[in-house]
Amino acid sequence: MDTDFINLTTENLADEHLCCIIRSKKLHPGVEAKRQWLSDRLNEGHVFRKLNAKATVFIEYAPLETAWVPITGDNYYYLYCLWTLGSYKGKGYGRSLMEYCIADAREKGKSGICMLGAKKQKSWLSDQSFAKKFGFEVVDTTDNGYELLALSFDGTIPKFAQNAKKLEIESKELTIYYDMQCPYIDQKIEIVRQHCEMNDVPVSFIQVDTLQKAKELPCVFNNWAVFYKGHFETVNLLQDVASLIRILKK
């Protein structure tokens, strides 16, 4: 089955689709922003492996030291995304991708792999029940229900950075931290911006554009984080205006 997959490289990045939003001709700003973000990451050991088909079937992970998340640990991989959608579900592709990541980590002498989870599965986080079948366990938690899952090979465990457990900021207005790691970011920002403009809701968008900024964030983060009235609300990319309104009613 390995022949069905392809890894992105600096050589093929410009020509390969990036799975989540597949456009054949017209350029998509979110996809191109992700492509640029990836071009800077691939030399850091970042891995993007996908099914060699027009499909959303892929895994994305990176050395924890250079992963844009406020998690600390030595010699780990951080798993950003593992998705198998549509007619490709249930065919063993997800298992193949996870097994590839685990084998890669062992081969590189890593101490393990970690990923962001939550007590209640969040729609924009990879399936943690699936990860637990491979031995991932909860090794750290935040006060608002997020969890750090890890598959440790040597008994060492990563943890959330202390700043990630703060979950508060001084500003009381709607505040969104984001990076360009997900191709949906661009359109989600536009949905929020339009609603806030039409309804006179003050909003701040803070781009996390360096590794240091990501490591110092005051909350858990995969590529997006929402604060309102000074409190951390969610890492979920807002599905629609209704999900934004629910936060603004608090």
Protein backbone atom coordinates (compact mmCIF):
# COMPACT_ATOMS: atom_id res chain seq x y z
CA MET A 1 0.00 0.00 0.00
CA ASP A 2 3.00 2.31 0.53
CA THR A 3 3.24 2.87 -3.22
CA ASP A 4 -0.17 4.58 -3.02
CA PHE A 5 1.33 7.45 -1.01
CA ILE A 6 3.54 10.42 -1.76
CA ASN A 7 5.53 12.72 0.52
CA LEU A 8 5.73 16.42 -0.27
CA THR A 9 9.23 17.74 -0.91
CA THR A 10 10.66 21.11 -1.88
CA GLU A 11 10.85 19.69 -5.44
CA ASN A 12 7.21 18.59 -5.82
CA LEU A 13 5.47 21.06 -3.47
CA ALA A 14 4.49 23.48 -6.26
CA ASP A 15 2.81 20.75 -8.32
CA GLU A 16 0.95 18.67 -5.71
CA HIS A 17 -2.47 19.42 -4.23
CA LEU A 18 -2.64 19.90 -0.44
CA CYS A 19 -5.65 17.62 0.25
CA CYS A 20 -8.07 19.82 2.23
CA ILE A 21 -9.06 22.21 -0.55
CA ILE A 22 -8.40 20.73 -3.98
CA ARG A 23 -8.49 23.17 -6.89
CA SER A 24 -7.44 22.09 -10.35
CA LYS A 25 -6.90 25.48 -12.01
CA LYS A 26 -7.83 28.57 -10.02
CA LEU A 27 -5.41 29.50 -7.26
CA HIS A 28 -6.88 29.52 -3.75
CA PRO A 29 -5.38 32.07 -1.31
CA GLY A 30 -5.58 29.70 1.66
CA VAL A 31 -3.93 26.87 -0.25
CA GLU A 32 -1.16 29.12 -1.57
CA ALA A 33 -0.54 30.51 1.94
CA LYS A 34 -0.26 26.96 3.24
CA ARG A 35 2.08 26.05 0.39
CA GLN A 36 4.34 28.96 1.34
CA TRP A 37 4.20 27.98 5.02
CA LEU A 38 5.12 24.40 4.11
CA SER A 39 8.01 25.49 1.89
CA ASP A 40 9.64 26.99 4.97
CA ARG A 41 8.92 23.93 7.13
CA LEU A 42 10.00 20.99 4.96
CA ASN A 43 13.69 21.63 5.60
CA GLU A 44 12.98 21.46 9.34
CA GLY A 45 11.92 17.82 9.07
CA HIS A 46 8.20 18.57 8.67
CA VAL A 47 6.42 15.64 6.96
CA PHE A 48 3.31 15.90 4.78
CA ARG A 49 2.37 12.46 3.43
CA LYS A 50 -0.78 11.93 1.38
CA LEU A 51 -2.60 9.44 -0.78
CA ASN A 52 -1.49 9.82 -4.39
CA ALA A 53 -5.04 10.63 -5.51
CA LYS A 54 -7.47 13.55 -5.64
CA ALA A 55 -8.49 12.97 -2.05
CA THR A 56 -8.35 14.27 1.51
CA VAL A 57 -6.21 11.46 2.91
CA PHE A 58 -3.04 12.67 4.63
CA ILE A 59 -0.89 12.93 7.73
CA GLU A 60 1.14 15.94 8.78
CA TYR A 61 3.72 15.95 11.58
CA ALA A 62 6.95 17.64 12.60
CA PRO A 63 9.72 17.51 15.20
CA LEU A 64 8.20 18.96 18.38
CA GLU A 65 11.09 21.40 18.72
CA THR A 66 10.07 23.11 15.46
CA ALA A 67 6.31 22.45 15.64
CA TRP A 68 4.24 25.63 15.93
CA VAL A 69 2.49 24.61 19.16
CA PRO A 70 3.04 25.59 22.83
CA ILE A 71 4.12 22.10 23.85
CA THR A 72 7.48 21.19 25.34
CA GLY A 73 9.33 17.90 25.19
CA ASP A 74 12.54 16.36 23.99
CA ASN A 75 12.95 14.36 20.81
CA TYR A 76 9.23 13.95 20.02
CA TYR A 77 7.20 14.27 16.86
CA TYR A 78 4.08 16.45 17.00
CA LEU A 79 1.16 15.16 14.90
CA TYR A 80 -0.80 18.15 13.52
CA CYS A 81 -3.33 16.33 11.33
CA LEU A 82 -4.42 12.85 10.29
CA TRP A 83 -7.47 12.83 8.03
CA THR A 84 -9.24 10.30 5.82
CA LEU A 85 -12.47 11.71 4.43
CA GLY A 86 -15.31 10.67 2.14
CA SER A 87 -15.27 7.42 0.18
CA TYR A 88 -11.69 6.76 1.29
CA LYS A 89 -12.71 6.12 4.91
CA GLY A 90 -12.64 2.55 6.21
CA LYS A 91 -10.09 1.29 3.68
CA GLY A 92 -7.06 1.19 5.95
CA TYR A 93 -5.45 4.39 4.71
CA GLY A 94 -5.56 6.07 8.12
CA ARG A 95 -3.91 3.05 9.70
CA SER A 96 -1.20 3.04 7.01
CA LEU A 97 -0.46 6.72 7.61
CA MET A 98 -0.29 6.34 11.39
CA GLU A 99 1.91 3.24 11.08
CA TYR A 100 4.21 5.20 8.74
CA CYS A 101 4.53 8.02 11.29
CA ILE A 102 5.27 5.57 14.14
CA ALA A 103 7.83 3.68 12.06
CA ASP A 104 9.45 6.96 10.99
CA ALA A 105 9.66 8.10 14.63
CA ARG A 106 11.26 4.82 15.71
CA GLU A 107 13.69 4.84 12.79
CA LYS A 108 14.78 8.40 13.63
CA GLY A 109 15.32 7.43 17.27
CA LYS A 110 12.49 9.64 18.55
CA SER A 111 11.18 9.30 22.10
CA GLY A 112 7.59 9.27 20.87
CA ILE A 113 4.75 11.12 19.15
CA CYS A 114 2.22 13.55 20.64
CA MET A 115 -0.94 15.29 19.48
CA LEU A 116 -3.63 17.65 20.74
CA GLY A 117 -6.88 16.16 21.94
CA ALA A 118 -9.80 17.03 24.20
CA LYS A 119 -12.11 15.30 26.67
CA LYS A 120 -14.87 15.85 24.13
CA GLN A 121 -13.70 15.30 20.54
CA LYS A 122 -13.38 18.64 18.71
CA SER A 123 -14.36 18.78 15.05
CA TRP A 124 -11.04 20.29 13.87
CA LEU A 125 -8.80 17.89 15.80
CA SER A 126 -7.76 14.48 14.52
CA ASP A 127 -9.68 11.46 15.87
CA GLN A 128 -8.18 10.75 19.28
CA SER A 129 -10.07 7.48 19.78
CA PHE A 130 -8.30 6.25 16.64
CA ALA A 131 -4.94 7.38 18.04
CA LYS A 132 -5.60 5.59 21.33
CA LYS A 133 -5.87 2.30 19.43
CA PHE A 134 -2.16 2.72 18.68
CA GLY A 135 -1.28 3.29 22.34
CA PHE A 136 -1.59 7.07 22.63
CA GLU A 137 -2.44 8.08 26.21
CA VAL A 138 -3.40 11.34 27.91
CA VAL A 139 -0.25 12.78 29.51
CA ASP A 140 -1.32 16.37 30.29
CA THR A 141 -4.52 18.40 30.54
CA THR A 142 -5.74 21.99 30.75
CA ASP A 143 -8.44 23.33 33.04
CA ASN A 144 -10.90 23.70 30.15
CA GLY A 145 -10.84 20.14 28.84
CA TYR A 146 -8.01 19.98 26.32
CA GLU A 147 -5.62 17.05 26.50
CA LEU A 148 -2.15 16.20 25.29
CA LEU A 149 -1.96 12.65 23.96
CA ALA A 150 1.37 10.88 23.63
CA LEU A 151 2.73 7.57 22.43
CA SER A 152 5.97 7.25 24.39
CA PHE A 153 8.69 4.80 23.34
CA ASP A 154 11.02 5.39 26.30
CA GLY A 155 8.86 6.56 29.21
CA THR A 156 9.53 10.27 28.74
CA ILE A 157 6.50 12.48 28.17
CA PRO A 158 5.93 15.94 26.69
CA LYS A 159 3.70 18.55 28.34
CA PHE A 160 1.84 21.74 27.60
CA ALA A 161 4.04 24.79 28.06
CA GLN A 162 3.10 26.63 31.26
CA ASN A 163 1.96 29.65 29.22
CA ALA A 164 -0.49 27.42 27.28
CA LYS A 165 -2.38 26.78 30.53
CA LYS A 166 -2.95 30.48 31.16
CA LEU A 167 -6.11 30.53 28.99
CA GLU A 168 -6.57 34.27 29.51
CA ILE A 169 -5.48 37.50 27.83
CA GLU A 170 -5.88 41.13 28.88
CA SER A 171 -7.96 42.20 25.89
CA LYS A 172 -11.72 41.70 26.32
CA GLU A 173 -12.59 41.94 22.61
CA LEU A 174 -12.92 38.98 20.28
CA THR A 175 -9.34 37.93 19.57
CA ILE A 176 -8.21 35.23 17.16
CA TYR A 177 -4.70 33.85 16.95
CA TYR A 178 -3.94 32.01 13.72
CA ASP A 179 -1.13 30.76 11.51
CA MET A 180 -1.18 29.69 7.86
CA GLN A 181 -0.80 25.97 8.51
CA CYS A 182 -4.39 25.18 7.49
CA PRO A 183 -5.76 26.19 4.06
CA TYR A 184 -9.19 26.95 5.60
CA ILE A 185 -7.78 29.76 7.77
CA ASP A 186 -8.11 32.40 5.06
CA GLN A 187 -11.85 31.90 4.50
CA LYS A 188 -12.61 31.50 8.23
CA ILE A 189 -10.99 34.87 8.93
CA GLU A 190 -13.16 36.41 6.21
CA ILE A 191 -16.36 34.97 7.73
CA VAL A 192 -15.48 36.42 11.14
CA ARG A 193 -14.33 39.75 9.70
CA GLN A 194 -17.55 40.26 7.69
CA HIS A 195 -19.84 39.39 10.60
CA CYS A 196 -17.95 41.67 12.99
CA GLU A 197 -17.97 44.57 10.54
CA MET A 198 -21.71 44.24 9.90
CA ASN A 199 -22.51 44.03 13.61
CA ASP A 200 -19.96 46.51 14.99
CA VAL A 201 -18.15 43.83 16.97
CA PRO A 202 -14.53 44.78 17.71
CA VAL A 203 -12.16 41.99 16.64
CA SER A 204 -8.39 41.46 16.59
CA PHE A 205 -6.65 38.97 14.33
CA ILE A 206 -3.15 38.08 15.52
CA GLN A 207 -1.03 36.15 13.06
CA VAL A 208 1.34 33.67 14.65
CA ASP A 209 4.13 34.04 12.11
CA THR A 210 7.16 32.72 13.99
CA LEU A 211 7.98 29.59 15.94
CA GLN A 212 8.70 31.67 19.04
CA LYS A 213 5.24 33.28 18.96
CA ALA A 214 3.65 29.84 18.68
CA LYS A 215 5.62 28.45 21.62
CA GLU A 216 4.65 31.44 23.80
CA LEU A 217 0.88 31.41 23.13
CA PRO A 218 -1.42 31.74 26.17
CA CYS A 219 -3.52 28.71 25.18
CA VAL A 220 -3.43 25.37 23.38
CA PHE A 221 -3.12 25.76 19.62
CA ASN A 222 -3.08 23.65 16.48
CA ASN A 223 -3.38 26.54 13.99
CA TRP A 224 -6.24 28.68 15.41
CA ALA A 225 -7.40 29.91 18.83
CA VAL A 226 -10.33 32.13 19.86
CA PHE A 227 -10.56 34.37 22.94
CA TYR A 228 -13.56 36.42 24.04
CA LYS A 229 -13.93 38.65 27.11
CA GLY A 230 -10.36 37.71 27.98
CA HIS A 231 -11.09 33.97 28.15
CA PHE A 232 -9.93 31.23 25.80
CA GLU A 233 -12.89 29.67 23.97
CA THR A 234 -11.81 27.12 21.36
CA VAL A 235 -9.26 25.83 18.85
CA ASN A 236 -12.11 24.96 16.48
CA LEU A 237 -12.15 26.87 13.23
CA LEU A 238 -15.63 28.39 13.39
CA GLN A 239 -17.84 26.30 11.13
CA ASP A 240 -20.21 29.15 10.34
CA VAL A 241 -21.61 32.44 11.63
CA ALA A 242 -23.86 30.56 14.08
CA SER A 243 -20.85 29.13 15.94
CA LEU A 244 -19.37 32.63 16.17
CA ILE A 245 -22.65 34.06 17.49
CA ARG A 246 -22.76 31.39 20.22
CA ILE A 247 -19.40 32.66 21.51
CA LEU A 248 -20.43 36.32 21.27
CA LYS A 249 -23.58 35.65 23.35
CA LYS A 250 -21.50 34.57 26.33
